[in-house]
């Protein structure tokens, strides 16, 4: 079982690297599966692929956040086909309470088990955005989509975020109140001129 898990979870080459579901059934059950058992097993395996479930959930969550907070969250898409590593997103700009933010998915990250910093978070300085700010997740294997969503929500509520993340507080105080004209333009085009 350990060799099987290592082959599929960690992409290690061993005797189980290319085993079929039917062969796995024979090895684990000691008999050949019926056609119904084989078909059921294949459908179950296709339906329960962890990375696909995680990516689908994260995509839906991101869409919901963008839709619900359309006056604060702006996504810049590129021409790539949407996928589970969010490479179709160039960046996300967020209007926080005190500052504007830019969130960039790390193109080298995977959908799951990506480590603590799969997204880059930058603060608007008045003449562009800062270098990436070090913001670690509390655990080591947060999925990329979850990291994107949490960064969006945290930067939208940046006043609270700075009280919890010390690497952001001095930058926040320095650049508080500076606004990105691109976000202002997007707001005007979306809601019209304010009177």
N, C-alpha and C. Protein backbone atom coordinates (compact mmCIF):
# COMPACT_ATOMS: atom_id res chain seq x y z
N UNK A 1 0.83 -1.20 0.00
CA UNK A 1 0.00 0.00 0.00
C UNK A 1 0.87 1.25 0.00
N UNK A 2 1.96 1.21 0.78
CA UNK A 2 2.86 2.37 0.84
C UNK A 2 3.47 2.67 -0.54
N UNK A 3 3.88 1.64 -1.26
CA UNK A 3 4.44 1.83 -2.60
C UNK A 3 3.39 2.41 -3.55
N UNK A 4 2.15 1.95 -3.44
CA UNK A 4 1.07 2.46 -4.28
C UNK A 4 0.83 3.96 -4.01
N UNK A 5 0.77 4.33 -2.75
CA UNK A 5 0.56 5.73 -2.38
C UNK A 5 1.71 6.58 -2.87
N UNK A 6 2.93 6.11 -2.69
CA UNK A 6 4.10 6.87 -3.14
C UNK A 6 4.09 7.06 -4.66
N UNK A 7 3.63 6.06 -5.39
CA UNK A 7 3.60 6.15 -6.85
C UNK A 7 2.63 7.22 -7.31
N UNK A 8 1.47 7.31 -6.68
CA UNK A 8 0.45 8.24 -7.16
C UNK A 8 0.45 9.59 -6.45
N UNK A 9 0.78 9.61 -5.18
CA UNK A 9 0.77 10.89 -4.48
C UNK A 9 2.04 11.68 -4.72
N UNK A 10 3.17 10.97 -4.79
CA UNK A 10 4.45 11.67 -4.92
C UNK A 10 5.12 11.44 -6.27
N UNK A 11 4.41 10.82 -7.20
CA UNK A 11 4.92 10.54 -8.56
C UNK A 11 6.25 9.80 -8.55
N UNK A 12 6.38 8.85 -7.67
CA UNK A 12 7.60 8.04 -7.61
C UNK A 12 7.44 6.83 -8.51
N UNK A 13 8.48 6.51 -9.26
CA UNK A 13 8.45 5.37 -10.16
C UNK A 13 8.69 4.09 -9.36
N UNK A 14 7.75 3.16 -9.45
CA UNK A 14 7.90 1.84 -8.84
C UNK A 14 6.94 0.89 -9.54
N UNK A 15 6.74 -0.30 -8.98
CA UNK A 15 5.90 -1.32 -9.62
C UNK A 15 4.44 -0.87 -9.79
N UNK A 16 4.03 0.16 -9.06
CA UNK A 16 2.64 0.62 -9.12
C UNK A 16 2.45 1.87 -9.97
N UNK A 17 3.51 2.36 -10.59
CA UNK A 17 3.44 3.62 -11.34
C UNK A 17 2.39 3.60 -12.44
N UNK A 18 2.22 2.47 -13.11
CA UNK A 18 1.27 2.41 -14.23
C UNK A 18 0.23 1.31 -14.06
N UNK A 19 -0.12 1.02 -12.84
CA UNK A 19 -1.07 -0.06 -12.58
C UNK A 19 -2.49 0.40 -12.95
N UNK A 20 -3.27 -0.50 -13.51
CA UNK A 20 -4.66 -0.16 -13.85
C UNK A 20 -5.56 -0.41 -12.64
N UNK A 21 -6.74 0.19 -12.62
CA UNK A 21 -7.67 -0.06 -11.52
C UNK A 21 -8.01 -1.55 -11.38
N UNK A 22 -8.15 -2.24 -12.51
CA UNK A 22 -8.44 -3.68 -12.47
C UNK A 22 -7.31 -4.44 -11.78
N UNK A 23 -6.06 -4.13 -12.13
CA UNK A 23 -4.92 -4.81 -11.50
C UNK A 23 -4.84 -4.49 -10.01
N UNK A 24 -5.13 -3.26 -9.65
CA UNK A 24 -5.13 -2.89 -8.24
C UNK A 24 -6.18 -3.69 -7.47
N UNK A 25 -7.36 -3.85 -8.05
CA UNK A 25 -8.42 -4.63 -7.44
C UNK A 25 -7.95 -6.07 -7.21
N UNK A 26 -7.34 -6.66 -8.24
CA UNK A 26 -6.86 -8.04 -8.12
C UNK A 26 -5.83 -8.16 -7.01
N UNK A 27 -4.88 -7.24 -6.96
CA UNK A 27 -3.83 -7.29 -5.93
C UNK A 27 -4.39 -7.10 -4.52
N UNK A 28 -5.37 -6.21 -4.38
CA UNK A 28 -5.87 -5.94 -3.03
C UNK A 28 -6.98 -6.89 -2.59
N UNK A 29 -7.79 -7.40 -3.54
CA UNK A 29 -8.92 -8.25 -3.18
C UNK A 29 -8.66 -9.74 -3.42
N UNK A 30 -7.65 -10.06 -4.21
CA UNK A 30 -7.34 -11.46 -4.49
C UNK A 30 -8.25 -12.11 -5.52
N UNK A 31 -9.01 -11.32 -6.25
CA UNK A 31 -9.88 -11.86 -7.30
C UNK A 31 -10.08 -10.79 -8.37
N UNK A 32 -10.58 -11.20 -9.52
CA UNK A 32 -10.87 -10.28 -10.61
C UNK A 32 -12.21 -9.59 -10.35
N UNK A 33 -12.30 -8.28 -10.57
CA UNK A 33 -13.58 -7.61 -10.34
C UNK A 33 -14.58 -7.95 -11.44
N UNK A 34 -15.84 -7.92 -11.08
CA UNK A 34 -16.89 -8.07 -12.10
C UNK A 34 -16.89 -6.80 -12.95
N UNK A 35 -17.60 -6.83 -14.07
CA UNK A 35 -17.67 -5.64 -14.92
C UNK A 35 -18.31 -4.48 -14.17
N UNK A 36 -19.34 -4.77 -13.39
CA UNK A 36 -20.02 -3.71 -12.62
C UNK A 36 -19.07 -3.12 -11.57
N UNK A 37 -18.30 -3.98 -10.87
CA UNK A 37 -17.35 -3.49 -9.88
C UNK A 37 -16.26 -2.65 -10.54
N UNK A 38 -15.78 -3.10 -11.68
CA UNK A 38 -14.74 -2.36 -12.39
C UNK A 38 -15.25 -0.98 -12.84
N UNK A 39 -16.46 -0.95 -13.39
CA UNK A 39 -17.03 0.31 -13.85
C UNK A 39 -17.29 1.25 -12.68
N UNK A 40 -17.81 0.72 -11.58
CA UNK A 40 -18.06 1.52 -10.39
C UNK A 40 -16.75 2.10 -9.85
N UNK A 41 -15.71 1.28 -9.82
CA UNK A 41 -14.42 1.71 -9.31
C UNK A 41 -13.84 2.84 -10.16
N UNK A 42 -13.94 2.72 -11.47
CA UNK A 42 -13.41 3.75 -12.37
C UNK A 42 -14.17 5.06 -12.18
N UNK A 43 -15.50 4.98 -12.10
CA UNK A 43 -16.28 6.20 -11.89
C UNK A 43 -15.97 6.84 -10.54
N UNK A 44 -15.80 6.02 -9.53
CA UNK A 44 -15.47 6.53 -8.20
C UNK A 44 -14.12 7.24 -8.22
N UNK A 45 -13.12 6.62 -8.83
CA UNK A 45 -11.79 7.22 -8.88
C UNK A 45 -11.79 8.52 -9.68
N UNK A 46 -12.53 8.57 -10.76
CA UNK A 46 -12.58 9.78 -11.57
C UNK A 46 -13.29 10.91 -10.82
N UNK A 47 -14.26 10.57 -10.02
CA UNK A 47 -15.06 11.55 -9.30
C UNK A 47 -14.32 12.09 -8.08
N UNK A 48 -13.40 11.35 -7.55
CA UNK A 48 -12.78 11.72 -6.29
C UNK A 48 -11.29 12.01 -6.41
N UNK A 49 -10.89 12.67 -7.47
CA UNK A 49 -9.50 13.08 -7.60
C UNK A 49 -9.32 14.33 -6.77
N UNK A 50 -8.48 14.24 -5.75
CA UNK A 50 -8.34 15.32 -4.78
C UNK A 50 -7.98 16.65 -5.42
N UNK A 51 -7.00 16.68 -6.30
CA UNK A 51 -6.57 17.96 -6.85
C UNK A 51 -7.69 18.60 -7.68
N UNK A 52 -8.47 17.78 -8.40
CA UNK A 52 -9.58 18.33 -9.18
C UNK A 52 -10.66 18.90 -8.26
N UNK A 53 -10.96 18.21 -7.18
CA UNK A 53 -11.96 18.69 -6.23
C UNK A 53 -11.50 20.00 -5.61
N UNK A 54 -10.24 20.05 -5.19
CA UNK A 54 -9.69 21.26 -4.57
C UNK A 54 -9.72 22.42 -5.56
N UNK A 55 -9.28 22.17 -6.79
CA UNK A 55 -9.23 23.23 -7.80
C UNK A 55 -10.62 23.72 -8.16
N UNK A 56 -11.58 22.81 -8.33
CA UNK A 56 -12.95 23.20 -8.66
C UNK A 56 -13.57 24.04 -7.54
N UNK A 57 -13.34 23.60 -6.31
CA UNK A 57 -13.87 24.34 -5.15
C UNK A 57 -13.24 25.73 -5.08
N UNK A 58 -11.93 25.80 -5.30
CA UNK A 58 -11.24 27.09 -5.23
C UNK A 58 -11.69 28.02 -6.35
N UNK A 59 -11.89 27.49 -7.56
CA UNK A 59 -12.36 28.32 -8.67
C UNK A 59 -13.73 28.89 -8.37
N UNK A 60 -14.61 28.06 -7.84
CA UNK A 60 -15.96 28.52 -7.50
C UNK A 60 -15.90 29.58 -6.40
N UNK A 61 -15.05 29.34 -5.41
CA UNK A 61 -14.93 30.30 -4.31
C UNK A 61 -14.40 31.64 -4.83
N UNK A 62 -13.40 31.60 -5.72
CA UNK A 62 -12.85 32.83 -6.28
C UNK A 62 -13.91 33.58 -7.08
N UNK A 63 -14.66 32.85 -7.91
CA UNK A 63 -15.74 33.48 -8.67
C UNK A 63 -16.77 34.13 -7.75
N UNK A 64 -17.11 33.45 -6.66
CA UNK A 64 -18.09 33.99 -5.71
C UNK A 64 -17.57 35.27 -5.04
N UNK A 65 -16.29 35.26 -4.66
CA UNK A 65 -15.71 36.45 -4.02
C UNK A 65 -15.70 37.63 -4.98
N UNK A 66 -15.25 37.39 -6.21
CA UNK A 66 -15.19 38.46 -7.21
C UNK A 66 -16.59 39.01 -7.49
N UNK A 67 -17.56 38.12 -7.60
CA UNK A 67 -18.94 38.54 -7.85
C UNK A 67 -19.52 39.33 -6.68
N UNK A 68 -19.32 38.84 -5.49
CA UNK A 68 -19.89 39.48 -4.30
C UNK A 68 -19.22 40.81 -3.99
N UNK A 69 -17.94 40.93 -4.29
CA UNK A 69 -17.18 42.14 -3.95
C UNK A 69 -16.69 42.85 -5.21
N UNK A 70 -17.58 43.01 -6.17
CA UNK A 70 -17.19 43.58 -7.47
C UNK A 70 -16.74 45.04 -7.38
N UNK A 71 -17.01 45.71 -6.28
CA UNK A 71 -16.55 47.09 -6.13
C UNK A 71 -15.19 47.16 -5.44
N UNK A 72 -14.65 46.02 -5.08
CA UNK A 72 -13.36 46.00 -4.37
C UNK A 72 -12.34 45.06 -4.99
N UNK A 73 -12.78 44.09 -5.78
CA UNK A 73 -11.88 43.06 -6.32
C UNK A 73 -11.95 43.08 -7.84
N UNK A 74 -10.78 43.21 -8.47
CA UNK A 74 -10.70 43.30 -9.93
C UNK A 74 -9.66 42.32 -10.43
N UNK A 75 -10.09 41.40 -11.28
CA UNK A 75 -9.19 40.35 -11.79
C UNK A 75 -8.76 40.68 -13.21
N UNK A 76 -7.48 40.61 -13.46
CA UNK A 76 -6.94 40.79 -14.81
C UNK A 76 -6.61 39.40 -15.36
N UNK A 77 -7.44 38.95 -16.30
CA UNK A 77 -7.26 37.64 -16.92
C UNK A 77 -6.37 37.79 -18.15
N UNK A 78 -5.71 36.70 -18.52
CA UNK A 78 -4.95 36.68 -19.77
C UNK A 78 -5.68 35.74 -20.74
N UNK A 79 -5.04 35.38 -21.84
CA UNK A 79 -5.72 34.56 -22.85
C UNK A 79 -5.53 33.06 -22.66
N UNK A 80 -4.94 32.65 -21.53
CA UNK A 80 -4.79 31.22 -21.28
C UNK A 80 -6.11 30.60 -20.84
N UNK A 81 -6.24 29.33 -21.11
CA UNK A 81 -7.45 28.59 -20.72
C UNK A 81 -7.44 28.41 -19.20
N UNK A 82 -8.57 28.64 -18.52
CA UNK A 82 -8.60 28.42 -17.06
C UNK A 82 -8.17 27.01 -16.69
N UNK A 83 -7.36 26.91 -15.64
CA UNK A 83 -6.88 25.61 -15.18
C UNK A 83 -6.72 25.62 -13.67
N UNK A 84 -6.28 24.50 -13.13
CA UNK A 84 -6.25 24.38 -11.68
C UNK A 84 -5.04 25.03 -11.02
N UNK A 85 -4.17 25.68 -11.80
CA UNK A 85 -3.09 26.44 -11.20
C UNK A 85 -3.28 27.94 -11.44
N UNK A 86 -4.46 28.31 -11.92
CA UNK A 86 -4.86 29.70 -12.07
C UNK A 86 -3.90 30.50 -12.95
N UNK A 87 -3.29 29.84 -13.94
CA UNK A 87 -2.36 30.56 -14.82
C UNK A 87 -3.09 31.49 -15.77
N UNK A 88 -4.42 31.43 -15.81
CA UNK A 88 -5.21 32.35 -16.63
C UNK A 88 -5.42 33.70 -15.94
N UNK A 89 -4.90 33.83 -14.72
CA UNK A 89 -4.99 35.10 -13.99
C UNK A 89 -3.62 35.76 -13.97
N UNK A 90 -3.54 36.98 -14.53
CA UNK A 90 -2.29 37.74 -14.45
C UNK A 90 -2.11 38.30 -13.05
N UNK A 91 -3.15 38.96 -12.55
CA UNK A 91 -3.11 39.51 -11.21
C UNK A 91 -4.52 39.87 -10.76
N UNK A 92 -4.63 40.17 -9.47
CA UNK A 92 -5.89 40.61 -8.88
C UNK A 92 -5.59 41.88 -8.11
N UNK A 93 -6.35 42.93 -8.36
CA UNK A 93 -6.20 44.16 -7.60
C UNK A 93 -7.35 44.26 -6.61
N UNK A 94 -7.01 44.70 -5.40
CA UNK A 94 -7.99 44.75 -4.32
C UNK A 94 -7.98 46.14 -3.70
N UNK A 95 -9.16 46.72 -3.55
CA UNK A 95 -9.31 47.98 -2.85
C UNK A 95 -9.55 47.66 -1.38
N UNK A 96 -8.55 47.94 -0.56
CA UNK A 96 -8.68 47.72 0.87
C UNK A 96 -9.27 48.93 1.56
N UNK A 97 -9.40 48.87 2.86
CA UNK A 97 -9.95 50.00 3.62
C UNK A 97 -8.98 51.18 3.56
N UNK A 98 -7.70 50.90 3.73
CA UNK A 98 -6.71 51.98 3.77
C UNK A 98 -5.74 52.00 2.61
N UNK A 99 -5.57 50.89 1.92
CA UNK A 99 -4.59 50.79 0.84
C UNK A 99 -5.14 49.96 -0.32
N UNK A 100 -4.43 50.02 -1.42
CA UNK A 100 -4.74 49.16 -2.56
C UNK A 100 -3.67 48.09 -2.65
N UNK A 101 -4.06 46.92 -3.14
CA UNK A 101 -3.21 45.74 -3.11
C UNK A 101 -3.21 45.04 -4.46
N UNK A 102 -2.16 44.32 -4.73
CA UNK A 102 -2.05 43.51 -5.95
C UNK A 102 -1.62 42.11 -5.54
N UNK A 103 -2.40 41.13 -5.98
CA UNK A 103 -2.14 39.73 -5.64
C UNK A 103 -1.83 38.99 -6.93
N UNK A 104 -0.71 38.28 -6.94
CA UNK A 104 -0.26 37.59 -8.15
C UNK A 104 -0.06 36.11 -7.83
N UNK A 105 -0.81 35.22 -8.50
CA UNK A 105 -0.57 33.79 -8.29
C UNK A 105 0.82 33.40 -8.77
N UNK A 106 1.49 32.57 -8.02
CA UNK A 106 2.82 32.09 -8.40
C UNK A 106 2.66 31.05 -9.50
N UNK A 107 3.14 31.34 -10.67
CA UNK A 107 2.92 30.46 -11.83
C UNK A 107 3.58 29.10 -11.69
N UNK A 108 4.50 28.96 -10.75
CA UNK A 108 5.16 27.66 -10.57
C UNK A 108 4.45 26.79 -9.55
N UNK A 109 3.41 27.32 -8.93
CA UNK A 109 2.70 26.56 -7.90
C UNK A 109 1.76 25.54 -8.50
N UNK A 110 1.42 24.56 -7.69
CA UNK A 110 0.45 23.54 -8.09
C UNK A 110 -0.87 23.82 -7.38
N UNK A 111 -1.90 23.13 -7.79
CA UNK A 111 -3.22 23.36 -7.20
C UNK A 111 -3.26 22.99 -5.73
N UNK A 112 -2.54 21.93 -5.35
CA UNK A 112 -2.55 21.51 -3.95
C UNK A 112 -1.12 21.34 -3.46
N UNK A 113 -0.96 21.35 -2.14
CA UNK A 113 0.34 21.16 -1.50
C UNK A 113 1.39 22.11 -2.07
N UNK A 114 1.11 23.41 -2.02
CA UNK A 114 2.00 24.36 -2.66
C UNK A 114 2.91 25.11 -1.70
N UNK A 115 2.81 24.86 -0.42
CA UNK A 115 3.66 25.56 0.51
C UNK A 115 2.99 26.80 1.07
N UNK A 116 3.80 27.62 1.72
CA UNK A 116 3.25 28.75 2.47
C UNK A 116 3.06 30.02 1.65
N UNK A 117 3.76 30.17 0.54
CA UNK A 117 3.66 31.41 -0.21
C UNK A 117 3.47 31.13 -1.70
N UNK A 118 2.27 30.74 -2.07
CA UNK A 118 1.98 30.45 -3.48
C UNK A 118 1.46 31.68 -4.21
N UNK A 119 1.25 32.76 -3.48
CA UNK A 119 0.83 34.01 -4.10
C UNK A 119 1.73 35.13 -3.62
N UNK A 120 1.91 36.13 -4.47
CA UNK A 120 2.69 37.31 -4.10
C UNK A 120 1.71 38.42 -3.76
N UNK A 121 1.94 39.09 -2.66
CA UNK A 121 1.09 40.19 -2.23
C UNK A 121 1.93 41.47 -2.24
N UNK A 122 1.41 42.51 -2.90
CA UNK A 122 2.12 43.78 -3.01
C UNK A 122 1.19 44.91 -2.60
N UNK A 123 1.75 45.97 -2.04
CA UNK A 123 0.97 47.13 -1.62
C UNK A 123 1.25 48.29 -2.57
N UNK A 124 0.23 49.12 -2.83
CA UNK A 124 0.41 50.27 -3.72
C UNK A 124 1.14 51.38 -2.97
N UNK A 125 2.22 51.88 -3.58
CA UNK A 125 3.06 52.89 -2.93
C UNK A 125 2.81 54.31 -3.41
N UNK A 126 1.99 54.46 -4.42
CA UNK A 126 1.76 55.79 -4.98
C UNK A 126 2.37 55.92 -6.36
N UNK A 127 3.47 55.22 -6.57
CA UNK A 127 4.14 55.24 -7.88
C UNK A 127 4.33 53.81 -8.41
N UNK A 128 3.46 52.94 -8.04
CA UNK A 128 3.55 51.53 -8.42
C UNK A 128 3.41 50.65 -7.19
N UNK A 129 3.58 49.38 -7.41
CA UNK A 129 3.42 48.42 -6.31
C UNK A 129 4.77 48.00 -5.74
N UNK A 130 4.78 47.65 -4.47
CA UNK A 130 5.99 47.24 -3.77
C UNK A 130 6.48 45.89 -4.26
N UNK A 131 7.64 45.51 -3.78
CA UNK A 131 8.11 44.14 -3.97
C UNK A 131 7.18 43.23 -3.17
N UNK A 132 7.19 41.91 -3.44
CA UNK A 132 6.31 41.02 -2.67
C UNK A 132 6.58 41.10 -1.16
N UNK A 133 5.51 41.09 -0.42
CA UNK A 133 5.58 41.14 1.05
C UNK A 133 5.50 39.72 1.57
N UNK A 134 6.34 39.39 2.54
CA UNK A 134 6.35 38.04 3.11
C UNK A 134 5.12 37.87 4.01
N UNK A 135 4.19 37.04 3.54
CA UNK A 135 3.01 36.69 4.33
C UNK A 135 2.88 35.17 4.26
N UNK A 136 3.18 34.50 5.37
CA UNK A 136 3.10 33.04 5.41
C UNK A 136 1.71 32.59 5.82
N UNK A 137 1.29 31.44 5.29
CA UNK A 137 0.08 30.80 5.78
C UNK A 137 0.44 30.07 7.06
N UNK A 138 -0.58 29.76 7.83
CA UNK A 138 -0.31 29.08 9.10
C UNK A 138 0.11 27.63 8.92
N UNK A 139 -0.27 27.01 7.80
CA UNK A 139 0.20 25.65 7.58
C UNK A 139 0.92 25.55 6.24
N UNK A 140 1.60 24.45 6.05
CA UNK A 140 2.54 24.30 4.95
C UNK A 140 1.92 23.85 3.63
N UNK A 141 0.70 23.37 3.63
CA UNK A 141 0.16 22.79 2.41
C UNK A 141 -1.19 23.38 2.01
N UNK A 142 -1.31 24.70 2.15
CA UNK A 142 -2.56 25.35 1.73
C UNK A 142 -2.65 25.37 0.22
N UNK A 143 -3.78 24.96 -0.33
CA UNK A 143 -3.95 24.97 -1.78
C UNK A 143 -3.86 26.39 -2.35
N UNK A 144 -3.39 26.49 -3.56
CA UNK A 144 -3.21 27.78 -4.23
C UNK A 144 -4.50 28.60 -4.24
N UNK A 145 -5.61 28.00 -4.64
CA UNK A 145 -6.87 28.73 -4.69
C UNK A 145 -7.28 29.29 -3.34
N UNK A 146 -7.05 28.50 -2.28
CA UNK A 146 -7.37 28.97 -0.93
C UNK A 146 -6.48 30.15 -0.54
N UNK A 147 -5.20 30.08 -0.95
CA UNK A 147 -4.30 31.19 -0.64
C UNK A 147 -4.73 32.47 -1.36
N UNK A 148 -5.15 32.34 -2.61
CA UNK A 148 -5.63 33.50 -3.35
C UNK A 148 -6.84 34.10 -2.63
N UNK A 149 -7.80 33.26 -2.29
CA UNK A 149 -9.03 33.73 -1.64
C UNK A 149 -8.73 34.40 -0.29
N UNK A 150 -7.87 33.80 0.51
CA UNK A 150 -7.58 34.39 1.82
C UNK A 150 -6.83 35.71 1.69
N UNK A 151 -5.95 35.81 0.70
CA UNK A 151 -5.25 37.09 0.49
C UNK A 151 -6.22 38.18 0.05
N UNK A 152 -7.18 37.83 -0.80
CA UNK A 152 -8.18 38.81 -1.22
C UNK A 152 -8.97 39.30 -0.01
N UNK A 153 -9.48 38.37 0.79
CA UNK A 153 -10.28 38.75 1.95
C UNK A 153 -9.47 39.53 2.97
N UNK A 154 -8.22 39.12 3.18
CA UNK A 154 -7.36 39.83 4.14
C UNK A 154 -7.06 41.25 3.69
N UNK A 155 -6.73 41.43 2.40
CA UNK A 155 -6.39 42.77 1.92
C UNK A 155 -7.62 43.67 1.82
N UNK A 156 -8.79 43.10 1.60
CA UNK A 156 -10.02 43.91 1.62
C UNK A 156 -10.22 44.51 3.02
N UNK A 157 -9.85 43.75 4.04
CA UNK A 157 -9.97 44.20 5.42
C UNK A 157 -8.57 44.47 5.98
N UNK A 158 -7.82 45.31 5.27
CA UNK A 158 -6.41 45.51 5.60
C UNK A 158 -6.17 46.13 6.97
N UNK A 159 -7.11 46.91 7.49
CA UNK A 159 -6.93 47.47 8.84
C UNK A 159 -6.79 46.37 9.89
N UNK A 160 -7.59 45.33 9.74
CA UNK A 160 -7.48 44.20 10.67
C UNK A 160 -6.24 43.38 10.36
N UNK A 161 -5.94 43.18 9.08
CA UNK A 161 -4.79 42.38 8.69
C UNK A 161 -3.49 42.90 9.30
N UNK A 162 -3.31 44.23 9.31
CA UNK A 162 -2.06 44.77 9.82
C UNK A 162 -1.89 44.53 11.32
N UNK A 163 -2.98 44.33 12.03
CA UNK A 163 -2.87 44.04 13.46
C UNK A 163 -2.45 42.59 13.71
N UNK A 164 -2.54 41.75 12.69
CA UNK A 164 -2.24 40.33 12.84
C UNK A 164 -0.94 39.90 12.15
N UNK A 165 -0.50 40.66 11.13
CA UNK A 165 0.67 40.26 10.34
C UNK A 165 1.71 41.37 10.41
N UNK A 166 2.77 41.15 11.17
CA UNK A 166 3.73 42.22 11.44
C UNK A 166 4.52 42.65 10.20
N UNK A 167 4.67 41.78 9.20
CA UNK A 167 5.45 42.15 8.01
C UNK A 167 4.72 43.18 7.15
N UNK A 168 3.45 43.41 7.41
CA UNK A 168 2.65 44.35 6.62
C UNK A 168 2.49 45.70 7.32
N UNK A 169 2.55 45.73 8.64
CA UNK A 169 2.13 46.92 9.39
C UNK A 169 2.93 48.18 9.06
N UNK A 170 4.24 48.13 8.97
CA UNK A 170 5.01 49.35 8.69
C UNK A 170 4.75 49.86 7.27
N UNK A 171 4.64 48.95 6.31
CA UNK A 171 4.33 49.36 4.94
C UNK A 171 2.93 49.97 4.86
N UNK A 172 2.01 49.37 5.57
CA UNK A 172 0.63 49.87 5.57
C UNK A 172 0.59 51.31 6.07
N UNK A 173 1.24 51.57 7.19
CA UNK A 173 1.24 52.92 7.77
C UNK A 173 1.92 53.92 6.82
N UNK A 174 2.95 53.48 6.14
CA UNK A 174 3.68 54.36 5.23
C UNK A 174 2.86 54.73 3.99
N UNK A 175 2.11 53.78 3.46
CA UNK A 175 1.40 54.00 2.19
C UNK A 175 -0.11 54.15 2.33
N UNK A 176 -0.60 54.20 3.55
CA UNK A 176 -2.04 54.29 3.79
C UNK A 176 -2.63 55.51 3.08
N UNK A 177 -3.74 55.30 2.40
CA UNK A 177 -4.44 56.37 1.72
C UNK A 177 -4.04 56.57 0.27
N UNK A 178 -2.96 55.96 -0.18
CA UNK A 178 -2.56 56.08 -1.58
C UNK A 178 -3.38 55.11 -2.41
N UNK A 179 -3.94 55.62 -3.51
CA UNK A 179 -4.85 54.81 -4.30
C UNK A 179 -4.36 54.64 -5.72
N UNK A 180 -4.60 53.46 -6.25
CA UNK A 180 -4.22 53.08 -7.61
C UNK A 180 -5.25 53.66 -8.58
N UNK A 181 -4.80 54.48 -9.51
CA UNK A 181 -5.72 55.11 -10.47
C UNK A 181 -6.41 54.08 -11.36
N UNK A 182 -5.74 52.95 -11.61
CA UNK A 182 -6.38 51.90 -12.43
C UNK A 182 -7.63 51.37 -11.72
N UNK A 183 -7.56 51.19 -10.41
CA UNK A 183 -8.75 50.75 -9.65
C UNK A 183 -9.81 51.84 -9.69
N UNK A 184 -9.39 53.11 -9.54
CA UNK A 184 -10.35 54.21 -9.63
C UNK A 184 -11.06 54.19 -10.99
N UNK A 185 -10.31 53.98 -12.07
CA UNK A 185 -10.89 53.93 -13.41
C UNK A 185 -11.87 52.77 -13.56
N UNK A 186 -11.49 51.61 -13.00
CA UNK A 186 -12.38 50.45 -13.08
C UNK A 186 -13.68 50.71 -12.31
N UNK A 187 -13.57 51.38 -11.17
CA UNK A 187 -14.76 51.72 -10.39
C UNK A 187 -15.65 52.70 -11.16
N UNK A 188 -15.05 53.70 -11.78
CA UNK A 188 -15.83 54.69 -12.55
C UNK A 188 -16.54 54.03 -13.71
N UNK A 189 -15.83 53.15 -14.42
CA UNK A 189 -16.46 52.49 -15.57
C UNK A 189 -17.55 51.53 -15.13
N UNK A 190 -17.40 50.97 -13.94
CA UNK A 190 -18.38 50.00 -13.45
C UNK A 190 -19.61 50.68 -12.87
N UNK A 191 -19.40 51.78 -12.15
CA UNK A 191 -20.52 52.42 -11.43
C UNK A 191 -20.83 53.81 -11.92
N UNK A 192 -20.07 54.33 -12.88
CA UNK A 192 -20.30 55.69 -13.37
C UNK A 192 -19.63 56.71 -12.48
N UNK A 193 -19.60 57.93 -12.92
CA UNK A 193 -18.98 59.02 -12.15
C UNK A 193 -19.75 59.25 -10.86
N UNK A 194 -18.99 59.44 -9.77
CA UNK A 194 -19.67 59.77 -8.51
C UNK A 194 -19.99 61.25 -8.50
N UNK A 195 -21.11 61.61 -7.90
CA UNK A 195 -21.52 63.02 -7.90
C UNK A 195 -21.15 63.65 -6.58
